[in-house]
Amino acid sequence: FLEQYLDLVISRDDLYLERITLYNALGEYKKAQQLIAERKFHPWEGGEGKVTGQFLFCQIALAKQALQDKNYQQALHLLQNTDSYPHHLGEGKLHGAMENDIHYYKGCAYKGSGENEKAIAYFEYATKGLSEPAQAFFYNDQKPDTIYFQGMALLELNRTAEAVQRFNKLIQYGKAHFNDNVQLDYFAVSLPDFQIFDDNLNVKNQIHCLYLMGLGYTGLGAYTQAADCFKEVREMDINHPGALQMMADVAVTVR
């Protein structure tokens, strides 16, 4: 539908970004990467973190494909491109941004290329940060998958008990808070879109809890339970980027 009206889509950052988001959701990461590279974006209220989010999504997805193909230098190149955001994205990196996923995949790339000292260093980086799950409604909140990648890095460092603890915390949080009645008692511009006006925060909380549980089950190797959680997430939010990626990862692992 968007491509029937390309002149209009190209005239607006928000519509242009929706097209990129759809290509990422379809797994056409190189097309998404190309469209991002060809555009100079401008900041807009409600768009905080959206352009950079899609930029990271396709860079990391392409890096994971390179890792699967054992093209470790290409994976590193793609991941290093996220060290600082290109100016044309119209938004810089948040101070103190937690990048456990990027550190973890860099560790995997260095491990694959036989650079074990660098691999261990990046796996150590990936273990840092808050280890207690929490709500994540604002674009500057800690990403839900941060703790999952801490656990995955801990497994690589043979610190299995600590890793299992991280994964269990995700599952326990999801179960304990699934039926919470969520309310925000103030307006904040860091809410993506206009969530306080037209979104059900309780549903968003349930999606968040299911996603956390899916991450925890994935880390523990309980792939059937994980797939069930991610499937439920996508039934409630078909465009959930984390569930899209994790369902693909679980499918690859099971194969």
Protein backbone atom coordinates (compact mmCIF):
# COMPACT_ATOMS: atom_id res chain seq x y z
CA PHE A 1 0.00 0.00 0.00
CA LEU A 2 2.78 2.43 0.92
CA GLU A 3 4.60 1.75 -2.32
CA GLN A 4 1.53 2.71 -4.34
CA TYR A 5 2.07 6.24 -3.00
CA LEU A 6 5.85 6.55 -2.95
CA ASP A 7 5.87 10.30 -3.62
CA LEU A 8 3.89 10.88 -0.43
CA VAL A 9 5.88 8.30 1.55
CA ILE A 10 9.16 9.89 0.51
CA SER A 11 7.89 13.34 1.56
CA ARG A 12 7.39 12.29 5.20
CA ASP A 13 9.92 10.84 7.66
CA ASP A 14 7.27 8.91 9.59
CA LEU A 15 5.83 7.15 6.52
CA TYR A 16 9.30 6.53 5.10
CA LEU A 17 10.24 4.88 8.40
CA GLU A 18 7.09 2.71 8.34
CA ARG A 19 8.25 1.33 4.99
CA ILE A 20 11.67 0.54 6.48
CA THR A 21 10.01 -1.11 9.48
CA LEU A 22 7.99 -3.36 7.18
CA TYR A 23 11.09 -4.45 5.25
CA ASN A 24 12.80 -5.30 8.54
CA ALA A 25 9.71 -7.24 9.66
CA LEU A 26 9.80 -9.19 6.39
CA GLY A 27 13.46 -10.08 6.91
CA GLU A 28 14.61 -7.93 3.98
CA TYR A 29 17.36 -6.34 6.05
CA LYS A 30 19.56 -5.19 3.18
CA LYS A 31 16.65 -3.30 1.64
CA ALA A 32 15.94 -1.67 5.00
CA GLN A 33 19.64 -0.83 5.36
CA GLN A 34 19.68 0.73 1.89
CA LEU A 35 16.59 2.85 2.56
CA ILE A 36 18.04 4.11 5.85
CA ALA A 37 21.34 5.01 4.16
CA GLU A 38 19.54 7.04 1.47
CA ARG A 39 17.59 9.25 3.87
CA LYS A 40 18.39 12.28 6.00
CA PHE A 41 15.94 12.09 8.92
CA HIS A 42 14.80 14.94 11.15
CA PRO A 43 13.71 14.69 14.79
CA TRP A 44 9.99 14.69 15.48
CA GLU A 45 7.97 14.40 18.67
CA GLY A 46 6.86 10.82 19.16
CA GLY A 47 9.66 9.54 16.95
CA GLU A 48 12.31 9.27 19.66
CA GLY A 49 14.37 6.14 19.20
CA LYS A 50 12.43 4.90 16.19
CA VAL A 51 14.91 5.58 13.38
CA THR A 52 17.88 4.43 15.44
CA GLY A 53 15.87 1.37 16.49
CA GLN A 54 15.32 0.28 12.89
CA PHE A 55 18.96 1.07 12.06
CA LEU A 56 20.10 -1.20 14.90
CA PHE A 57 17.55 -3.86 13.97
CA CYS A 58 18.86 -4.38 10.44
CA GLN A 59 22.55 -3.98 11.36
CA ILE A 60 22.31 -6.62 14.10
CA ALA A 61 20.16 -8.94 11.97
CA LEU A 62 22.68 -8.78 9.12
CA ALA A 63 25.52 -9.37 11.60
CA LYS A 64 23.73 -12.48 12.92
CA GLN A 65 23.37 -13.78 9.37
CA ALA A 66 27.09 -13.21 8.85
CA LEU A 67 27.84 -15.12 12.07
CA GLN A 68 25.71 -18.04 10.88
CA ASP A 69 27.67 -18.00 7.60
CA LYS A 70 30.94 -17.89 9.62
CA ASN A 71 31.79 -14.58 7.98
CA TYR A 72 33.13 -13.16 11.23
CA GLN A 73 34.88 -10.08 9.83
CA GLN A 74 31.71 -8.98 8.06
CA ALA A 75 29.76 -9.48 11.30
CA LEU A 76 32.28 -7.32 13.18
CA HIS A 77 32.11 -4.62 10.52
CA LEU A 78 28.33 -4.45 10.78
CA LEU A 79 28.40 -4.36 14.58
CA GLN A 80 31.14 -1.71 14.67
CA ASN A 81 28.93 0.48 12.47
CA THR A 82 26.68 0.85 15.51
CA ASP A 83 29.44 2.27 17.73
CA SER A 84 28.24 5.75 16.81
CA TYR A 85 25.10 6.58 14.87
CA PRO A 86 25.42 8.15 11.41
CA HIS A 87 24.51 11.83 11.44
CA HIS A 88 21.75 11.38 8.86
CA LEU A 89 19.66 9.38 11.37
CA GLY A 90 18.85 12.68 13.07
CA GLU A 91 19.40 11.31 16.58
CA GLY A 92 22.44 10.44 18.65
CA LYS A 93 23.04 7.56 21.00
CA LEU A 94 21.60 7.94 24.48
CA HIS A 95 24.14 8.46 27.23
CA GLY A 96 24.65 5.20 29.09
CA ALA A 97 22.81 3.14 26.46
CA MET A 98 23.04 -0.55 27.35
CA GLU A 99 24.29 -2.54 24.36
CA ASN A 100 24.54 -6.02 25.80
CA ASP A 101 23.32 -7.56 22.55
CA ILE A 102 25.99 -5.84 20.45
CA HIS A 103 28.75 -6.71 22.93
CA TYR A 104 27.56 -10.33 22.99
CA TYR A 105 27.57 -10.66 19.20
CA LYS A 106 30.96 -8.96 18.96
CA GLY A 107 32.19 -11.59 21.43
CA CYS A 108 30.75 -14.32 19.22
CA ALA A 109 32.47 -12.84 16.16
CA TYR A 110 35.85 -12.61 17.89
CA LYS A 111 35.41 -16.15 19.24
CA GLY A 112 34.64 -17.43 15.75
CA SER A 113 37.73 -15.75 14.32
CA GLY A 114 39.93 -17.25 17.04
CA GLU A 115 40.61 -13.98 18.90
CA ASN A 116 39.76 -15.45 22.29
CA GLU A 117 41.05 -12.61 24.50
CA LYS A 118 38.90 -10.06 22.67
CA ALA A 119 35.96 -12.48 22.77
CA ILE A 120 36.22 -12.84 26.55
CA ALA A 121 36.50 -9.06 26.95
CA TYR A 122 33.30 -8.46 24.98
CA PHE A 123 31.44 -11.24 26.76
CA GLU A 124 32.45 -9.53 30.02
CA TYR A 125 31.10 -6.20 28.69
CA ALA A 126 27.86 -7.96 27.84
CA THR A 127 27.34 -9.10 31.46
CA LYS A 128 27.16 -5.52 32.77
CA GLY A 129 24.08 -3.50 33.64
CA LEU A 130 20.91 -3.85 35.66
CA SER A 131 19.99 -7.47 36.25
CA GLU A 132 16.48 -6.91 37.63
CA PRO A 133 13.63 -6.87 35.07
CA ALA A 134 11.32 -3.85 35.05
CA GLN A 135 8.62 -2.19 32.99
CA ALA A 136 9.82 -0.68 29.72
CA PHE A 137 7.37 1.87 28.32
CA PHE A 138 9.72 4.76 27.63
CA TYR A 139 12.19 4.72 24.77
CA ASN A 140 15.10 5.40 27.16
CA ASP A 141 14.20 2.50 29.50
CA GLN A 142 16.54 -0.47 29.62
CA LYS A 143 15.62 -2.79 26.76
CA PRO A 144 13.88 -6.01 27.85
CA ASP A 145 16.44 -8.26 26.20
CA THR A 146 19.41 -6.73 28.07
CA ILE A 147 19.21 -9.33 30.84
CA TYR A 148 18.84 -12.16 28.32
CA PHE A 149 22.12 -11.20 26.66
CA GLN A 150 23.79 -10.91 30.05
CA GLY A 151 22.80 -14.52 30.60
CA MET A 152 24.00 -15.62 27.17
CA ALA A 153 27.35 -13.95 27.77
CA LEU A 154 27.63 -15.59 31.18
CA LEU A 155 27.11 -18.98 29.52
CA GLU A 156 30.01 -18.21 27.18
CA LEU A 157 32.15 -17.41 30.24
CA ASN A 158 31.14 -20.74 31.85
CA ARG A 159 29.34 -18.94 34.66
CA THR A 160 26.29 -21.14 34.24
CA ALA A 161 24.69 -20.62 37.65
CA GLU A 162 24.66 -16.83 37.18
CA ALA A 163 23.23 -17.23 33.68
CA VAL A 164 20.42 -19.49 34.87
CA GLN A 165 19.63 -16.96 37.59
CA ARG A 166 19.21 -14.22 34.95
CA PHE A 167 16.92 -16.38 32.82
CA ASN A 168 14.81 -17.43 35.80
CA LYS A 169 14.40 -13.79 36.85
CA LEU A 170 12.90 -13.00 33.45
CA ILE A 171 10.39 -15.83 33.74
CA GLN A 172 9.52 -15.02 37.34
CA TYR A 173 8.99 -11.33 36.57
CA GLY A 174 6.76 -12.13 33.62
CA LYS A 175 4.58 -14.46 35.65
CA ALA A 176 4.41 -12.17 38.69
CA HIS A 177 3.49 -8.98 36.81
CA PHE A 178 1.37 -10.29 33.93
CA ASN A 179 -1.90 -9.10 35.48
CA ASP A 180 -0.62 -5.77 36.83
CA ASN A 181 -2.89 -2.75 36.43
CA VAL A 182 -0.52 -0.24 34.87
CA GLN A 183 -1.05 3.50 35.10
CA LEU A 184 1.11 6.52 34.35
CA ASP A 185 0.41 9.54 36.52
CA TYR A 186 2.32 12.07 34.42
CA PHE A 187 2.95 12.99 30.80
CA ALA A 188 6.39 12.34 29.38
CA VAL A 189 7.63 13.19 25.90
CA SER A 190 9.78 10.06 25.91
CA LEU A 191 6.69 7.92 25.41
CA PRO A 192 6.91 6.71 21.80
CA ASP A 193 3.93 7.84 19.70
CA PHE A 194 0.98 8.99 21.78
CA GLN A 195 0.63 5.89 23.90
CA ILE A 196 -1.11 7.63 26.78
CA PHE A 197 -4.00 8.57 24.50
CA ASP A 198 -4.83 5.49 22.46
CA ASP A 199 -2.97 2.43 23.78
CA ASN A 200 -3.97 0.03 26.52
CA LEU A 201 -1.02 0.00 28.91
CA ASN A 202 -2.19 -3.23 30.54
CA VAL A 203 -2.01 -4.99 27.18
CA LYS A 204 1.44 -3.52 26.59
CA ASN A 205 2.48 -4.81 29.99
CA GLN A 206 1.22 -8.29 29.14
CA ILE A 207 3.18 -8.22 25.88
CA HIS A 208 6.27 -7.14 27.82
CA CYS A 209 5.82 -9.94 30.37
CA LEU A 210 5.29 -12.61 27.72
CA TYR A 211 8.38 -11.40 25.87
CA LEU A 212 10.48 -11.55 29.03
CA MET A 213 9.24 -15.08 29.73
CA GLY A 214 10.06 -16.11 26.17
CA LEU A 215 13.59 -14.76 26.57
CA GLY A 216 14.01 -16.63 29.84
CA TYR A 217 12.80 -19.91 28.37
CA THR A 218 15.09 -19.44 25.35
CA GLY A 219 18.09 -18.98 27.62
CA LEU A 220 17.20 -22.14 29.52
CA GLY A 221 16.82 -24.10 26.29
CA ALA A 222 13.07 -24.59 26.80
CA TYR A 223 12.35 -23.74 23.17
CA THR A 224 8.77 -25.00 23.01
CA GLN A 225 7.71 -22.75 25.90
CA ALA A 226 9.73 -19.89 24.41
CA ALA A 227 8.07 -20.26 21.00
CA ASP A 228 4.63 -20.30 22.66
CA CYS A 229 5.41 -17.01 24.44
CA PHE A 230 6.72 -15.30 21.31
CA LYS A 231 3.71 -16.54 19.35
CA GLU A 232 1.39 -14.96 21.93
CA VAL A 233 3.37 -11.73 21.74
CA ARG A 234 2.93 -11.60 17.97
CA GLU A 235 -0.78 -12.36 18.26
CA MET A 236 -1.05 -9.21 20.39
CA ASP A 237 1.52 -7.14 18.45
CA ILE A 238 2.36 -8.62 15.05
CA ASN A 239 5.18 -6.09 14.53
CA HIS A 240 6.98 -6.70 17.84
CA PRO A 241 10.64 -6.51 16.71
CA GLY A 242 12.06 -8.60 19.55
CA ALA A 243 9.56 -11.42 19.05
CA LEU A 244 10.21 -11.41 15.29
CA GLN A 245 13.92 -11.89 15.86
CA MET A 246 13.65 -14.36 18.71
CA MET A 247 11.17 -16.59 16.87
CA ALA A 248 13.67 -16.77 14.02
CA ASP A 249 16.51 -17.54 16.46
CA VAL A 250 14.51 -20.27 18.18
CA ALA A 251 13.62 -21.83 14.81
CA VAL A 252 17.32 -21.87 13.78
CA THR A 253 18.34 -23.37 17.14
CA VAL A 254 15.71 -26.13 16.94
CA ARG A 255 16.76 -26.99 13.38
